[in-house]
PDB file of all heavy atoms in Angstrom:
ATOM      1  N   ILE A   1    -112.255  50.539 -30.151  1.00  0.00           N
ATOM      2  CA  ILE A   1    -111.174  51.098 -30.964  1.00  0.00           C
ATOM      3  C   ILE A   1    -111.765  51.888 -32.134  1.00  0.00           C
ATOM      4  O   ILE A   1    -112.649  51.398 -32.845  1.00  0.00           O
ATOM      5  CB  ILE A   1    -110.250  49.979 -31.471  1.00  0.00           C
ATOM      6  CG1 ILE A   1    -109.574  49.287 -30.274  1.00  0.00           C
ATOM      7  CG2 ILE A   1    -109.201  50.531 -32.422  1.00  0.00           C
ATOM      8  CD1 ILE A   1    -108.719  48.096 -30.652  1.00  0.00           C
ATOM      9  N   ILE A   2    -111.291  53.105 -32.313  1.00  0.00           N
ATOM     10  CA  ILE A   2    -111.795  53.980 -33.369  1.00  0.00           C
ATOM     11  C   ILE A   2    -111.443  53.409 -34.741  1.00  0.00           C
ATOM     12  O   ILE A   2    -110.322  52.966 -34.986  1.00  0.00           O
ATOM     13  CB  ILE A   2    -111.195  55.394 -33.212  1.00  0.00           C
ATOM     14  CG1 ILE A   2    -111.675  56.025 -31.904  1.00  0.00           C
ATOM     15  CG2 ILE A   2    -111.568  56.281 -34.390  1.00  0.00           C
ATOM     16  CD1 ILE A   2    -111.014  57.342 -31.593  1.00  0.00           C
ATOM     17  N   GLU A   3    -112.417  53.443 -35.633  1.00  0.00           N
ATOM     18  CA  GLU A   3    -112.227  52.874 -36.966  1.00  0.00           C
ATOM     19  C   GLU A   3    -111.192  53.656 -37.770  1.00  0.00           C
ATOM     20  O   GLU A   3    -110.342  53.075 -38.456  1.00  0.00           O
ATOM     21  CB  GLU A   3    -113.563  52.844 -37.724  1.00  0.00           C
ATOM     22  CG  GLU A   3    -113.448  52.239 -39.116  1.00  0.00           C
ATOM     23  CD  GLU A   3    -114.787  52.211 -39.839  1.00  0.00           C
ATOM     24  OE1 GLU A   3    -115.805  52.643 -39.256  1.00  0.00           O
ATOM     25  OE2 GLU A   3    -114.822  51.742 -40.994  1.00  0.00           O
ATOM     26  N   ASP A   4    -111.258  54.991 -37.715  1.00  0.00           N
ATOM     27  CA  ASP A   4    -110.348  55.825 -38.505  1.00  0.00           C
ATOM     28  C   ASP A   4    -109.683  56.869 -37.603  1.00  0.00           C
ATOM     29  O   ASP A   4    -110.110  58.028 -37.562  1.00  0.00           O
ATOM     30  CB  ASP A   4    -111.118  56.516 -39.634  1.00  0.00           C
ATOM     31  CG  ASP A   4    -110.201  57.326 -40.544  1.00  0.00           C
ATOM     32  OD1 ASP A   4    -108.959  57.214 -40.394  1.00  0.00           O
ATOM     33  OD2 ASP A   4    -110.714  58.094 -41.382  1.00  0.00           O
ATOM     34  N   PRO A   5    -108.639  56.477 -36.883  1.00  0.00           N
ATOM     35  CA  PRO A   5    -107.982  57.426 -35.980  1.00  0.00           C
ATOM     36  C   PRO A   5    -107.256  58.551 -36.717  1.00  0.00           C
ATOM     37  O   PRO A   5    -107.026  59.618 -36.159  1.00  0.00           O
ATOM     38  CB  PRO A   5    -106.988  56.545 -35.212  1.00  0.00           C
ATOM     39  CG  PRO A   5    -106.701  55.412 -36.139  1.00  0.00           C
ATOM     40  CD  PRO A   5    -107.986  55.157 -36.862  1.00  0.00           C
ATOM     41  N   TYR A   6    -106.917  58.324 -37.975  1.00  0.00           N
ATOM     42  CA  TYR A   6    -106.194  59.334 -38.734  1.00  0.00           C
ATOM     43  C   TYR A   6    -107.040  60.578 -38.966  1.00  0.00           C
ATOM     44  O   TYR A   6    -106.567  61.715 -38.846  1.00  0.00           O
ATOM     45  CB  TYR A   6    -105.723  58.748 -40.069  1.00  0.00           C
ATOM     46  CG  TYR A   6    -104.827  57.552 -39.898  1.00  0.00           C
ATOM     47  CD1 TYR A   6    -105.339  56.262 -39.986  1.00  0.00           C
ATOM     48  CD2 TYR A   6    -103.468  57.703 -39.633  1.00  0.00           C
ATOM     49  CE1 TYR A   6    -104.522  55.150 -39.807  1.00  0.00           C
ATOM     50  CE2 TYR A   6    -102.638  56.602 -39.455  1.00  0.00           C
ATOM     51  CZ  TYR A   6    -103.181  55.332 -39.535  1.00  0.00           C
ATOM     52  OH  TYR A   6    -102.369  54.248 -39.354  1.00  0.00           O
ATOM     53  N   SER A   7    -108.318  60.371 -39.300  1.00  0.00           N
ATOM     54  CA  SER A   7    -109.225  61.504 -39.501  1.00  0.00           C
ATOM     55  C   SER A   7    -109.392  62.296 -38.212  1.00  0.00           C
ATOM     56  O   SER A   7    -109.465  63.522 -38.225  1.00  0.00           O
ATOM     57  CB  SER A   7    -110.593  61.010 -39.990  1.00  0.00           C
ATOM     58  OG  SER A   7    -110.477  60.418 -41.263  1.00  0.00           O
ATOM     59  N   LEU A   8    -109.432  61.564 -37.098  1.00  0.00           N
ATOM     60  CA  LEU A   8    -109.568  62.227 -35.801  1.00  0.00           C
ATOM     61  C   LEU A   8    -108.366  63.130 -35.533  1.00  0.00           C
ATOM     62  O   LEU A   8    -108.518  64.276 -35.070  1.00  0.00           O
ATOM     63  CB  LEU A   8    -109.686  61.189 -34.684  1.00  0.00           C
ATOM     64  CG  LEU A   8    -109.740  61.741 -33.257  1.00  0.00           C
ATOM     65  CD1 LEU A   8    -110.964  62.613 -33.055  1.00  0.00           C
ATOM     66  CD2 LEU A   8    -109.727  60.607 -32.238  1.00  0.00           C
ATOM     67  N   LEU A   9    -107.161  62.646 -35.846  1.00  0.00           N
ATOM     68  CA  LEU A   9    -105.961  63.450 -35.635  1.00  0.00           C
ATOM     69  C   LEU A   9    -105.962  64.689 -36.524  1.00  0.00           C
ATOM     70  O   LEU A   9    -105.582  65.786 -36.089  1.00  0.00           O
ATOM     71  CB  LEU A   9    -104.712  62.613 -35.902  1.00  0.00           C
ATOM     72  CG  LEU A   9    -104.410  61.496 -34.896  1.00  0.00           C
ATOM     73  CD1 LEU A   9    -103.148  60.758 -35.305  1.00  0.00           C
ATOM     74  CD2 LEU A   9    -104.242  62.055 -33.488  1.00  0.00           C
ATOM     75  N   LEU A  10    -106.379  64.517 -37.771  1.00  0.00           N
ATOM     76  CA  LEU A  10    -106.437  65.666 -38.673  1.00  0.00           C
ATOM     77  C   LEU A  10    -107.410  66.718 -38.153  1.00  0.00           C
ATOM     78  O   LEU A  10    -107.120  67.920 -38.178  1.00  0.00           O
ATOM     79  CB  LEU A  10    -106.843  65.206 -40.075  1.00  0.00           C
ATOM     80  CG  LEU A  10    -105.801  64.394 -40.850  1.00  0.00           C
ATOM     81  CD1 LEU A  10    -106.392  63.847 -42.142  1.00  0.00           C
ATOM     82  CD2 LEU A  10    -104.571  65.244 -41.151  1.00  0.00           C
ATOM     83  N   GLU A  11    -108.555  66.269 -37.671  1.00  0.00           N
ATOM     84  CA  GLU A  11    -109.539  67.197 -37.117  1.00  0.00           C
ATOM     85  C   GLU A  11    -108.995  67.888 -35.873  1.00  0.00           C
ATOM     86  O   GLU A  11    -109.181  69.092 -35.679  1.00  0.00           O
ATOM     87  CB  GLU A  11    -110.826  66.443 -36.766  1.00  0.00           C
ATOM     88  CG  GLU A  11    -111.590  65.923 -37.971  1.00  0.00           C
ATOM     89  CD  GLU A  11    -112.789  65.083 -37.560  1.00  0.00           C
ATOM     90  OE1 GLU A  11    -113.142  65.107 -36.355  1.00  0.00           O
ATOM     91  OE2 GLU A  11    -113.371  64.401 -38.427  1.00  0.00           O
ATOM     92  N   LEU A  12    -108.319  67.127 -35.028  1.00  0.00           N
ATOM     93  CA  LEU A  12    -107.782  67.673 -33.792  1.00  0.00           C
ATOM     94  C   LEU A  12    -106.797  68.809 -34.070  1.00  0.00           C
ATOM     95  O   LEU A  12    -106.896  69.895 -33.486  1.00  0.00           O
ATOM     96  CB  LEU A  12    -107.080  66.569 -33.000  1.00  0.00           C
ATOM     97  CG  LEU A  12    -106.270  67.013 -31.771  1.00  0.00           C
ATOM     98  CD1 LEU A  12    -107.196  67.574 -30.703  1.00  0.00           C
ATOM     99  CD2 LEU A  12    -105.462  65.844 -31.200  1.00  0.00           C
ATOM    100  N   PHE A  13    -105.862  68.583 -34.977  1.00  0.00           N
ATOM    101  CA  PHE A  13    -104.850  69.601 -35.234  1.00  0.00           C
ATOM    102  C   PHE A  13    -105.383  70.741 -36.105  1.00  0.00           C
ATOM    103  O   PHE A  13    -104.853  71.850 -36.068  1.00  0.00           O
ATOM    104  CB  PHE A  13    -103.622  68.955 -35.890  1.00  0.00           C
ATOM    105  CG  PHE A  13    -102.812  68.142 -34.931  1.00  0.00           C
ATOM    106  CD1 PHE A  13    -102.910  66.760 -34.893  1.00  0.00           C
ATOM    107  CD2 PHE A  13    -101.966  68.767 -34.034  1.00  0.00           C
ATOM    108  CE1 PHE A  13    -102.174  66.011 -33.987  1.00  0.00           C
ATOM    109  CE2 PHE A  13    -101.224  68.033 -33.119  1.00  0.00           C
ATOM    110  CZ  PHE A  13    -101.331  66.656 -33.089  1.00  0.00           C
ATOM    111  N   GLU A  14    -106.430  70.485 -36.837  1.00  0.00           N
ATOM    112  CA  GLU A  14    -107.059  71.554 -37.614  1.00  0.00           C
ATOM    113  C   GLU A  14    -107.799  72.513 -36.692  1.00  0.00           C
ATOM    114  O   GLU A  14    -107.761  73.733 -36.860  1.00  0.00           O
ATOM    115  CB  GLU A  14    -108.017  70.957 -38.647  1.00  0.00           C
ATOM    116  CG  GLU A  14    -108.651  71.984 -39.577  1.00  0.00           C
ATOM    117  CD  GLU A  14    -107.638  72.665 -40.483  1.00  0.00           C
ATOM    118  OE1 GLU A  14    -106.616  72.026 -40.798  1.00  0.00           O
ATOM    119  OE2 GLU A  14    -107.871  73.835 -40.853  1.00  0.00           O
ATOM    120  N   GLU A  15    -108.449  71.943 -35.673  1.00  0.00           N
ATOM    121  CA  GLU A  15    -109.230  72.756 -34.738  1.00  0.00           C
ATOM    122  C   GLU A  15    -108.355  73.435 -33.688  1.00  0.00           C
ATOM    123  O   GLU A  15    -108.717  74.452 -33.116  1.00  0.00           O
ATOM    124  CB  GLU A  15    -110.273  71.877 -34.035  1.00  0.00           C
ATOM    125  CG  GLU A  15    -111.339  71.334 -34.979  1.00  0.00           C
ATOM    126  CD  GLU A  15    -112.260  70.350 -34.284  1.00  0.00           C
ATOM    127  OE1 GLU A  15    -112.089  70.135 -33.073  1.00  0.00           O
ATOM    128  OE2 GLU A  15    -113.151  69.803 -34.970  1.00  0.00           O
ATOM    129  N   ASN A  16    -107.198  72.849 -33.402  1.00  0.00           N
ATOM    130  CA  ASN A  16    -106.314  73.379 -32.358  1.00  0.00           C
ATOM    131  C   ASN A  16    -104.964  73.752 -32.966  1.00  0.00           C
ATOM    132  O   ASN A  16    -103.971  73.056 -32.788  1.00  0.00           O
ATOM    133  CB  ASN A  16    -106.132  72.353 -31.236  1.00  0.00           C
ATOM    134  CG  ASN A  16    -107.432  72.031 -30.534  1.00  0.00           C
ATOM    135  OD1 ASN A  16    -107.850  72.714 -29.615  1.00  0.00           O
ATOM    136  ND2 ASN A  16    -108.081  70.953 -30.986  1.00  0.00           N
ATOM    137  N   LYS A  17    -104.945  74.839 -33.679  1.00  0.00           N
ATOM    138  CA  LYS A  17    -103.735  75.240 -34.388  1.00  0.00           C
ATOM    139  C   LYS A  17    -102.683  75.843 -33.468  1.00  0.00           C
ATOM    140  O   LYS A  17    -101.524  75.974 -33.848  1.00  0.00           O
ATOM    141  CB  LYS A  17    -104.098  76.238 -35.488  1.00  0.00           C
ATOM    142  CG  LYS A  17    -104.989  75.647 -36.576  1.00  0.00           C
ATOM    143  CD  LYS A  17    -105.300  76.668 -37.658  1.00  0.00           C
ATOM    144  CE  LYS A  17    -106.175  76.063 -38.738  1.00  0.00           C
ATOM    145  NZ  LYS A  17    -106.512  77.046 -39.819  1.00  0.00           N
ATOM    146  N   ASN A  18    -103.079  76.211 -32.268  1.00  0.00           N
ATOM    147  CA  ASN A  18    -102.150  76.873 -31.353  1.00  0.00           C
ATOM    148  C   ASN A  18    -101.745  75.965 -30.189  1.00  0.00           C
ATOM    149  O   ASN A  18    -101.583  76.422 -29.056  1.00  0.00           O
ATOM    150  CB  ASN A  18    -102.769  78.164 -30.818  1.00  0.00           C
ATOM    151  CG  ASN A  18    -103.045  79.164 -31.917  1.00  0.00           C
ATOM    152  OD1 ASN A  18    -102.217  79.367 -32.803  1.00  0.00           O
ATOM    153  ND2 ASN A  18    -104.220  79.789 -31.870  1.00  0.00           N
ATOM    154  N   LEU A  19    -101.605  74.679 -30.450  1.00  0.00           N
ATOM    155  CA  LEU A  19    -101.180  73.745 -29.415  1.00  0.00           C
ATOM    156  C   LEU A  19     -99.775  74.101 -28.930  1.00  0.00           C
ATOM    157  O   LEU A  19     -98.894  74.422 -29.720  1.00  0.00           O
ATOM    158  CB  LEU A  19    -101.203  72.313 -29.954  1.00  0.00           C
ATOM    159  CG  LEU A  19    -102.594  71.726 -30.233  1.00  0.00           C
ATOM    160  CD1 LEU A  19    -102.472  70.391 -30.937  1.00  0.00           C
ATOM    161  CD2 LEU A  19    -103.375  71.566 -28.940  1.00  0.00           C
ATOM    162  N   LYS A  20     -99.565  74.029 -27.627  1.00  0.00           N
ATOM    163  CA  LYS A  20     -98.307  74.411 -27.021  1.00  0.00           C
ATOM    164  C   LYS A  20     -97.203  73.399 -27.358  1.00  0.00           C
ATOM    165  O   LYS A  20     -97.397  72.197 -27.243  1.00  0.00           O
ATOM    166  CB  LYS A  20     -98.467  74.511 -25.502  1.00  0.00           C
ATOM    167  CG  LYS A  20     -97.252  75.052 -24.782  1.00  0.00           C
ATOM    168  CD  LYS A  20     -97.533  75.172 -23.293  1.00  0.00           C
ATOM    169  CE  LYS A  20     -96.311  75.694 -22.551  1.00  0.00           C
ATOM    170  NZ  LYS A  20     -96.576  75.810 -21.082  1.00  0.00           N
ATOM    171  N   THR A  21     -96.062  73.887 -27.764  1.00  0.00           N
ATOM    172  CA  THR A  21     -94.920  73.029 -28.065  1.00  0.00           C
ATOM    173  C   THR A  21     -94.248  72.572 -26.780  1.00  0.00           C
ATOM    174  O   THR A  21     -94.077  73.361 -25.844  1.00  0.00           O
ATOM    175  CB  THR A  21     -93.892  73.782 -28.937  1.00  0.00           C
ATOM    176  OG1 THR A  21     -94.531  74.218 -30.141  1.00  0.00           O
ATOM    177  CG2 THR A  21     -92.707  72.883 -29.278  1.00  0.00           C
ATOM    178  N   ALA A  22     -93.866  71.303 -26.717  1.00  0.00           N
ATOM    179  CA  ALA A  22     -93.227  70.758 -25.521  1.00  0.00           C
ATOM    180  C   ALA A  22     -91.883  71.428 -25.283  1.00  0.00           C
ATOM    181  O   ALA A  22     -91.079  71.604 -26.206  1.00  0.00           O
ATOM    182  CB  ALA A  22     -93.035  69.252 -25.671  1.00  0.00           C
ATOM    183  N   THR A  23     -91.655  71.808 -24.029  1.00  0.00           N
ATOM    184  CA  THR A  23     -90.389  72.450 -23.665  1.00  0.00           C
ATOM    185  C   THR A  23     -89.660  71.703 -22.556  1.00  0.00           C
ATOM    186  O   THR A  23     -88.605  72.140 -22.113  1.00  0.00           O
ATOM    187  CB  THR A  23     -90.639  73.897 -23.198  1.00  0.00           C
ATOM    188  OG1 THR A  23     -91.543  73.876 -22.086  1.00  0.00           O
ATOM    189  CG2 THR A  23     -91.220  74.740 -24.317  1.00  0.00           C
ATOM    190  N   ASP A  24     -90.239  70.584 -22.093  1.00  0.00           N
ATOM    191  CA  ASP A  24     -89.649  69.872 -20.953  1.00  0.00           C
ATOM    192  C   ASP A  24     -88.997  68.551 -21.347  1.00  0.00           C
ATOM    193  O   ASP A  24     -88.754  67.692 -20.506  1.00  0.00           O
ATOM    194  CB  ASP A  24     -90.725  69.607 -19.892  1.00  0.00           C
ATOM    195  CG  ASP A  24     -91.876  68.763 -20.428  1.00  0.00           C
ATOM    196  OD1 ASP A  24     -91.964  68.595 -21.657  1.00  0.00           O
ATOM    197  OD2 ASP A  24     -92.676  68.264 -19.603  1.00  0.00           O
ATOM    198  N   LYS A  25     -88.702  68.370 -22.626  1.00  0.00           N
ATOM    199  CA  LYS A  25     -88.074  67.135 -23.069  1.00  0.00           C
ATOM    200  C   LYS A  25     -86.572  67.161 -22.777  1.00  0.00           C
ATOM    201  O   LYS A  25     -85.941  68.218 -22.770  1.00  0.00           O
ATOM    202  CB  LYS A  25     -88.313  66.916 -24.568  1.00  0.00           C
ATOM    203  CG  LYS A  25     -89.786  66.869 -24.953  1.00  0.00           C
ATOM    204  CD  LYS A  25     -90.550  65.802 -24.196  1.00  0.00           C
ATOM    205  CE  LYS A  25     -92.019  65.769 -24.586  1.00  0.00           C
ATOM    206  NZ  LYS A  25     -92.788  64.804 -23.769  1.00  0.00           N
ATOM    207  N   LEU A  26     -86.012  65.978 -22.527  1.00  0.00           N
ATOM    208  CA  LEU A  26     -84.585  65.899 -22.232  1.00  0.00           C
ATOM    209  C   LEU A  26     -83.759  66.056 -23.503  1.00  0.00           C
ATOM    210  O   LEU A  26     -83.948  65.322 -24.477  1.00  0.00           O
ATOM    211  CB  LEU A  26     -84.263  64.571 -21.561  1.00  0.00           C
ATOM    212  CG  LEU A  26     -84.783  64.387 -20.128  1.00  0.00           C
ATOM    213  CD1 LEU A  26     -84.342  63.048 -19.572  1.00  0.00           C
ATOM    214  CD2 LEU A  26     -84.303  65.513 -19.228  1.00  0.00           C
ATOM    215  N   ILE A  27     -82.844  67.033 -23.494  1.00  0.00           N
ATOM    216  CA  ILE A  27     -81.955  67.290 -24.620  1.00  0.00           C
ATOM    217  C   ILE A  27     -80.522  67.149 -24.125  1.00  0.00           C
ATOM    218  O   ILE A  27     -80.092  67.861 -23.216  1.00  0.00           O
ATOM    219  CB  ILE A  27     -82.184  68.695 -25.203  1.00  0.00           C
ATOM    220  CG1 ILE A  27     -83.652  68.852 -25.637  1.00  0.00           C
ATOM    221  CG2 ILE A  27     -81.241  68.944 -26.373  1.00  0.00           C
ATOM    222  CD1 ILE A  27     -83.999  70.251 -26.096  1.00  0.00           C
ATOM    223  N   LYS A  28     -79.806  66.233 -24.709  1.00  0.00           N
ATOM    224  CA  LYS A  28     -78.446  65.908 -24.275  1.00  0.00           C
ATOM    225  C   LYS A  28     -77.564  67.145 -24.217  1.00  0.00           C
ATOM    226  O   LYS A  28     -77.452  67.905 -25.182  1.00  0.00           O
ATOM    227  CB  LYS A  28     -77.848  64.873 -25.237  1.00  0.00           C
ATOM    228  CG  LYS A  28     -76.439  64.410 -24.889  1.00  0.00           C
ATOM    229  CD  LYS A  28     -75.965  63.369 -25.883  1.00  0.00           C
ATOM    230  CE  LYS A  28     -74.549  62.891 -25.555  1.00  0.00           C
ATOM    231  NZ  LYS A  28     -74.085  61.876 -26.530  1.00  0.00           N
ATOM    232  N   GLY A  29     -76.949  67.352 -23.056  1.00  0.00           N
ATOM    233  CA  GLY A  29     -76.028  68.456 -22.887  1.00  0.00           C
ATOM    234  C   GLY A  29     -76.679  69.793 -22.619  1.00  0.00           C
ATOM    235  O   GLY A  29     -76.037  70.719 -22.118  1.00  0.00           O
ATOM    236  N   GLU A  30     -77.953  69.909 -22.944  1.00  0.00           N
ATOM    237  CA  GLU A  30     -78.671  71.158 -22.701  1.00  0.00           C
ATOM    238  C   GLU A  30     -79.354  71.146 -21.344  1.00  0.00           C
ATOM    239  O   GLU A  30     -79.203  72.070 -20.552  1.00  0.00           O
ATOM    240  CB  GLU A  30     -79.691  71.409 -23.808  1.00  0.00           C
ATOM    241  CG  GLU A  30     -80.434  72.731 -23.657  1.00  0.00           C
ATOM    242  CD  GLU A  30     -81.327  73.025 -24.843  1.00  0.00           C
ATOM    243  OE1 GLU A  30     -80.901  72.777 -25.999  1.00  0.00           O
ATOM    244  OE2 GLU A  30     -82.461  73.507 -24.624  1.00  0.00           O
ATOM    245  N   ASN A  31     -80.125  70.080 -21.083  1.00  0.00           N
ATOM    246  CA  ASN A  31     -80.769  70.010 -19.762  1.00  0.00           C
ATOM    247  C   ASN A  31     -80.477  68.697 -19.030  1.00  0.00           C
ATOM    248  O   ASN A  31     -81.076  68.426 -17.998  1.00  0.00           O
ATOM    249  CB  ASN A  31     -82.271  70.261 -19.849  1.00  0.00           C
ATOM    250  CG  ASN A  31     -82.978  69.270 -20.771  1.00  0.00           C
ATOM    251  OD1 ASN A  31     -82.372  68.325 -21.270  1.00  0.00           O
ATOM    252  ND2 ASN A  31     -84.263  69.497 -20.995  1.00  0.00           N
ATOM    253  N   TYR A  32     -79.566  67.893 -19.561  1.00  0.00           N
ATOM    254  CA  TYR A  32     -79.111  66.734 -18.788  1.00  0.00           C
ATOM    255  C   TYR A  32     -77.739  66.267 -19.267  1.00  0.00           C
ATOM    256  O   TYR A  32     -77.375  66.424 -20.442  1.00  0.00           O
ATOM    257  CB  TYR A  32     -80.110  65.583 -18.863  1.00  0.00           C
ATOM    258  CG  TYR A  32     -79.917  64.643 -20.039  1.00  0.00           C
ATOM    259  CD1 TYR A  32     -79.215  63.450 -19.894  1.00  0.00           C
ATOM    260  CD2 TYR A  32     -80.443  64.939 -21.295  1.00  0.00           C
ATOM    261  CE1 TYR A  32     -79.041  62.587 -20.962  1.00  0.00           C
ATOM    262  CE2 TYR A  32     -80.275  64.081 -22.366  1.00  0.00           C
ATOM    263  CZ  TYR A  32     -79.574  62.900 -22.193  1.00  0.00           C
ATOM    264  OH  TYR A  32     -79.392  62.037 -23.251  1.00  0.00           O
ATOM    265  N   VAL A  33     -76.985  65.724 -18.319  1.00  0.00           N
ATOM    266  CA  VAL A  33     -75.735  65.023 -18.629  1.00  0.00           C
ATOM    267  C   VAL A  33     -75.682  63.790 -17.739  1.00  0.00           C
ATOM    268  O   VAL A  33     -76.405  63.688 -16.749  1.00  0.00           O
ATOM    269  CB  VAL A  33     -74.473  65.886 -18.387  1.00  0.00           C
ATOM    270  CG1 VAL A  33     -74.442  67.086 -19.311  1.00  0.00           C
ATOM    271  CG2 VAL A  33     -74.371  66.305 -16.924  1.00  0.00           C
ATOM    272  N   ILE A  34     -74.813  62.865 -18.099  1.00  0.00           N
ATOM    273  CA  ILE A  34     -74.580  61.682 -17.272  1.00  0.00           C
ATOM    274  C   ILE A  34     -73.122  61.705 -16.826  1.00  0.00           C
ATOM    275  O   ILE A  34     -72.221  61.959 -17.638  1.00  0.00           O
ATOM    276  CB  ILE A  34     -74.912  60.392 -18.029  1.00  0.00           C
ATOM    277  CG1 ILE A  34     -76.423  60.337 -18.307  1.00  0.00           C
ATOM    278  CG2 ILE A  34     -74.474  59.149 -17.233  1.00  0.00           C
ATOM    279  CD1 ILE A  34     -76.880  59.139 -19.122  1.00  0.00           C
ATOM    280  N   LEU A  35     -72.900  61.475 -15.533  1.00  0.00           N
ATOM    281  CA  LEU A  35     -71.563  61.532 -14.951  1.00  0.00           C
ATOM    282  C   LEU A  35     -71.166  60.172 -14.386  1.00  0.00           C
ATOM    283  O   LEU A  35     -72.028  59.410 -13.940  1.00  0.00           O
ATOM    284  CB  LEU A  35     -71.517  62.569 -13.822  1.00  0.00           C
ATOM    285  CG  LEU A  35     -71.905  64.008 -14.182  1.00  0.00           C
ATOM    286  CD1 LEU A  35     -71.880  64.881 -12.929  1.00  0.00           C
ATOM    287  CD2 LEU A  35     -70.978  64.573 -15.251  1.00  0.00           C
ATOM    288  N   PRO A  36     -69.875  59.874 -14.369  1.00  0.00           N
ATOM    289  CA  PRO A  36     -69.399  58.608 -13.801  1.00  0.00           C
ATOM    290  C   PRO A  36     -69.210  58.732 -12.293  1.00  0.00           C
ATOM    291  O   PRO A  36     -68.931  59.821 -11.778  1.00  0.00           O
ATOM    292  CB  PRO A  36     -68.057  58.403 -14.497  1.00  0.00           C
ATOM    293  CG  PRO A  36     -67.549  59.807 -14.679  1.00  0.00           C
ATOM    294  CD  PRO A  36     -68.769  60.662 -14.951  1.00  0.00           C
ATOM    295  N   LEU A  37     -69.322  57.638 -11.594  1.00  0.00           N
ATOM    296  CA  LEU A  37     -69.013  57.602 -10.162  1.00  0.00           C
ATOM    297  C   LEU A  37     -67.596  57.083  -9.930  1.00  0.00           C
ATOM    298  O   LEU A  37     -67.243  56.716  -8.818  1.00  0.00           O
ATOM    299  CB  LEU A  37     -70.026  56.707  -9.431  1.00  0.00           C
ATOM    300  CG  LEU A  37     -71.470  57.220  -9.390  1.00  0.00           C
ATOM    301  CD1 LEU A  37     -72.390  56.181  -8.751  1.00  0.00           C
ATOM    302  CD2 LEU A  37     -71.557  58.540  -8.650  1.00  0.00           C
ATOM    303  N   TYR A  38     -66.811  57.067 -10.974  1.00  0.00           N
ATOM    304  CA  TYR A  38     -65.471  56.486 -10.937  1.00  0.00           C
ATOM    305  C   TYR A  38     -64.514  57.341 -11.760  1.00  0.00           C
ATOM    306  O   TYR A  38     -64.928  58.281 -12.463  1.00  0.00           O
ATOM    307  CB  TYR A  38     -65.496  55.069 -11.509  1.00  0.00           C
ATOM    308  CG  TYR A  38     -66.084  55.023 -12.912  1.00  0.00           C
ATOM    309  CD1 TYR A  38     -65.293  55.242 -14.034  1.00  0.00           C
ATOM    310  CD2 TYR A  38     -67.441  54.797 -13.109  1.00  0.00           C
ATOM    311  CE1 TYR A  38     -65.837  55.239 -15.313  1.00  0.00           C
ATOM    312  CE2 TYR A  38     -67.996  54.798 -14.381  1.00  0.00           C
ATOM    313  CZ  TYR A  38     -67.187  55.019 -15.474  1.00  0.00           C
ATOM    314  OH  TYR A  38     -67.716  55.034 -16.737  1.00  0.00           O
ATOM    315  N   GLY A  39     -63.240  57.033 -11.695  1.00  0.00           N
ATOM    316  CA  GLY A  39     -62.238  57.634 -12.559  1.00  0.00           C
ATOM    317  C   GLY A  39     -61.630  56.556 -13.441  1.00  0.00           C
ATOM    318  O   GLY A  39     -62.132  55.422 -13.493  1.00  0.00           O
ATOM    319  N   MET A  40     -60.547  56.883 -14.132  1.00  0.00           N
ATOM    320  CA  MET A  40     -59.874  55.910 -14.985  1.00  0.00           C
ATOM    321  C   MET A  40     -58.412  55.789 -14.558  1.00  0.00           C
ATOM    322  O   MET A  40     -57.746  56.784 -14.260  1.00  0.00           O
ATOM    323  CB  MET A  40     -59.937  56.342 -16.454  1.00  0.00           C
ATOM    324  CG  MET A  40     -61.349  56.450 -17.010  1.00  0.00           C
ATOM    325  SD  MET A  40     -62.256  54.879 -17.021  1.00  0.00           S
ATOM    326  CE  MET A  40     -61.305  53.960 -18.244  1.00  0.00           C
ATOM    327  N   LYS A  41     -57.918  54.554 -14.511  1.00  0.00           N
ATOM    328  CA  LYS A  41     -56.530  54.283 -14.158  1.00  0.00           C
ATOM    329  C   LYS A  41     -56.017  53.161 -15.052  1.00  0.00           C
ATOM    330  O   LYS A  41     -56.569  52.061 -15.051  1.00  0.00           O
ATOM    331  CB  LYS A  41     -56.431  53.875 -12.680  1.00  0.00           C
ATOM    332  CG  LYS A  41     -55.015  53.657 -12.181  1.00  0.00           C
ATOM    333  CD  LYS A  41     -55.016  53.324 -10.695  1.00  0.00           C
ATOM    334  CE  LYS A  41     -53.619  53.122 -10.164  1.00  0.00           C
ATOM    335  NZ  LYS A  41     -53.624  52.790  -8.708  1.00  0.00           N
ATOM    336  N   ASN A  42     -54.996  53.472 -15.838  1.00  0.00           N
ATOM    337  CA  ASN A  42     -54.436  52.498 -16.786  1.00  0.00           C
ATOM    338  C   ASN A  42     -55.511  51.938 -17.719  1.00  0.00           C
ATOM    339  O   ASN A  42     -55.522  50.745 -18.041  1.00  0.00           O
ATOM    340  CB  ASN A  42     -53.739  51.359 -16.042  1.00  0.00           C
ATOM    341  CG  ASN A  42     -52.596  51.837 -15.176  1.00  0.00           C
ATOM    342  OD1 ASN A  42     -51.871  52.764 -15.552  1.00  0.00           O
ATOM    343  ND2 ASN A  42     -52.423  51.218 -14.011  1.00  0.00           N
ATOM    344  N   GLY A  43     -56.426  52.825 -18.139  1.00  0.00           N
ATOM    345  CA  GLY A  43     -57.463  52.422 -19.076  1.00  0.00           C
ATOM    346  C   GLY A  43     -58.596  51.634 -18.475  1.00  0.00           C
ATOM    347  O   GLY A  43     -59.470  51.149 -19.198  1.00  0.00           O
ATOM    348  N   GLU A  44     -58.604  51.494 -17.156  1.00  0.00           N
ATOM    349  CA  GLU A  44     -59.653  50.732 -16.479  1.00  0.00           C
ATOM    350  C   GLU A  44     -60.429  51.622 -15.514  1.00  0.00           C
ATOM    351  O   GLU A  44     -59.890  52.585 -14.960  1.00  0.00           O
ATOM    352  CB  GLU A  44     -59.038  49.557 -15.701  1.00  0.00           C
ATOM    353  CG  GLU A  44     -58.272  48.552 -16.557  1.00  0.00           C
ATOM    354  CD  GLU A  44     -59.182  47.714 -17.430  1.00  0.00           C
ATOM    355  OE1 GLU A  44     -60.374  47.573 -17.057  1.00  0.00           O
ATOM    356  OE2 GLU A  44     -58.717  47.216 -18.476  1.00  0.00           O
ATOM    357  N   LYS A  45     -61.697  51.291 -15.300  1.00  0.00           N
ATOM    358  CA  LYS A  45     -62.495  52.006 -14.312  1.00  0.00           C
ATOM    359  C   LYS A  45     -61.902  51.788 -12.918  1.00  0.00           C
ATOM    360  O   LYS A  45     -61.512  50.670 -12.580  1.00  0.00           O
ATOM    361  CB  LYS A  45     -63.949  51.510 -14.334  1.00  0.00           C
ATOM    362  CG  LYS A  45     -64.705  51.842 -15.605  1.00  0.00           C
ATOM    363  CD  LYS A  45     -66.136  51.305 -15.525  1.00  0.00           C
ATOM    364  CE  LYS A  45     -66.906  51.606 -16.793  1.00  0.00           C
ATOM    365  NZ  LYS A  45     -68.305  51.080 -16.723  1.00  0.00           N
TER     366      LYS A  45
END
């Protein structure tokens, strides 16, 4: 286990300033929705 992981992270992002931003994360309503397999009748599934 690295003694000082924080310094390592600072060095990593200092040396790699052009790291690619994630574009494949799930965003509600934008790239995913959840649908029911049922309807509603008298307030019940």
